[in-house]
Amino acid sequence: MRCTSEVVYPRYSLPFANLAFNLLNLVVLRSIIYAIAYAKSPVKIPSEPYYAVLWTLPILAIAHAAFVSLFF
């Protein structure tokens, strides 16, 4: 039986998969929700939370890649 790194160290790649899933949901679902809400509401919807998450997800991925060796 071969021992691959994904079997031995799944805690390294699972956060990246989770962050990618979060980014996909952010881009697809929030964009649809913002488009629907923008069409129905005369009030401008704040976009700062949307862009804050777009900045935060790559920072979390870089931090995880840099500091994961401290835990293993």
Protein backbone atom coordinates (compact mmCIF):
# COMPACT_ATOMS: atom_id res chain seq x y z
CA MET A 1 0.00 0.00 0.00
CA ARG A 2 1.38 3.38 -0.99
CA CYS A 3 1.32 6.20 1.49
CA THR A 4 0.37 9.45 -0.18
CA SER A 5 0.64 12.82 1.46
CA GLU A 6 -3.12 13.44 1.28
CA VAL A 7 -3.80 10.37 3.40
CA VAL A 8 -1.16 11.22 5.96
CA TYR A 9 -1.65 15.01 6.08
CA PRO A 10 -5.28 15.78 5.21
CA ARG A 11 -5.24 18.72 7.60
CA TYR A 12 -2.98 20.55 5.16
CA SER A 13 -5.24 20.37 2.11
CA LEU A 14 -8.70 20.41 3.68
CA PRO A 15 -8.54 24.10 4.69
CA PHE A 16 -7.57 24.98 1.11
CA ALA A 17 -10.56 23.02 -0.18
CA ASN A 18 -12.79 24.80 2.33
CA LEU A 19 -11.44 28.22 1.34
CA ALA A 20 -11.95 27.41 -2.35
CA PHE A 21 -15.52 26.31 -1.64
CA ASN A 22 -16.13 29.53 0.31
CA LEU A 23 -14.72 31.62 -2.53
CA LEU A 24 -16.88 29.84 -5.09
CA ASN A 25 -19.99 30.37 -2.97
CA LEU A 26 -19.05 33.99 -2.42
CA VAL A 27 -18.62 34.74 -6.10
CA VAL A 28 -21.69 32.84 -7.30
CA LEU A 29 -24.29 33.12 -4.55
CA ARG A 30 -23.55 36.56 -3.16
CA SER A 31 -23.38 38.03 -6.64
CA ILE A 32 -26.82 36.64 -7.40
CA ILE A 33 -28.19 37.85 -4.06
CA TYR A 34 -26.70 41.32 -4.58
CA ALA A 35 -28.14 41.50 -8.10
CA ILE A 36 -31.62 40.54 -6.89
CA ALA A 37 -31.48 42.87 -3.90
CA TYR A 38 -30.13 45.73 -6.03
CA ALA A 39 -32.96 45.33 -8.53
CA LYS A 40 -35.65 45.35 -5.82
CA SER A 41 -34.24 47.93 -3.42
CA PRO A 42 -33.79 51.64 -4.06
CA VAL A 43 -31.24 51.80 -1.24
CA LYS A 44 -27.62 51.14 -2.15
CA ILE A 45 -26.36 47.88 -0.70
CA PRO A 46 -22.95 48.18 0.99
CA SER A 47 -20.28 46.24 -0.85
CA GLU A 48 -17.56 46.54 1.79
CA PRO A 49 -18.30 43.13 3.39
CA TYR A 50 -18.11 41.49 -0.04
CA TYR A 51 -14.70 42.98 -0.79
CA ALA A 52 -13.45 42.35 2.73
CA VAL A 53 -14.04 38.63 2.28
CA LEU A 54 -12.35 38.73 -1.12
CA TRP A 55 -9.26 40.11 0.64
CA THR A 56 -9.50 37.83 3.67
CA LEU A 57 -9.72 34.44 1.94
CA PRO A 58 -6.34 34.69 0.14
CA ILE A 59 -4.72 36.06 3.29
CA LEU A 60 -6.02 33.06 5.25
CA ALA A 61 -4.74 30.69 2.56
CA ILE A 62 -1.28 32.27 2.60
CA ALA A 63 -1.18 32.23 6.40
CA HIS A 64 -2.20 28.58 6.47
CA ALA A 65 0.44 27.64 3.89
CA ALA A 66 3.12 29.55 5.76
CA PHE A 67 2.36 28.44 9.31
CA VAL A 68 1.06 24.89 8.86
CA SER A 69 4.55 23.48 9.34
CA LEU A 70 4.56 24.77 12.92
CA PHE A 71 1.73 22.40 13.82
CA PHE A 72 3.02 19.32 12.01
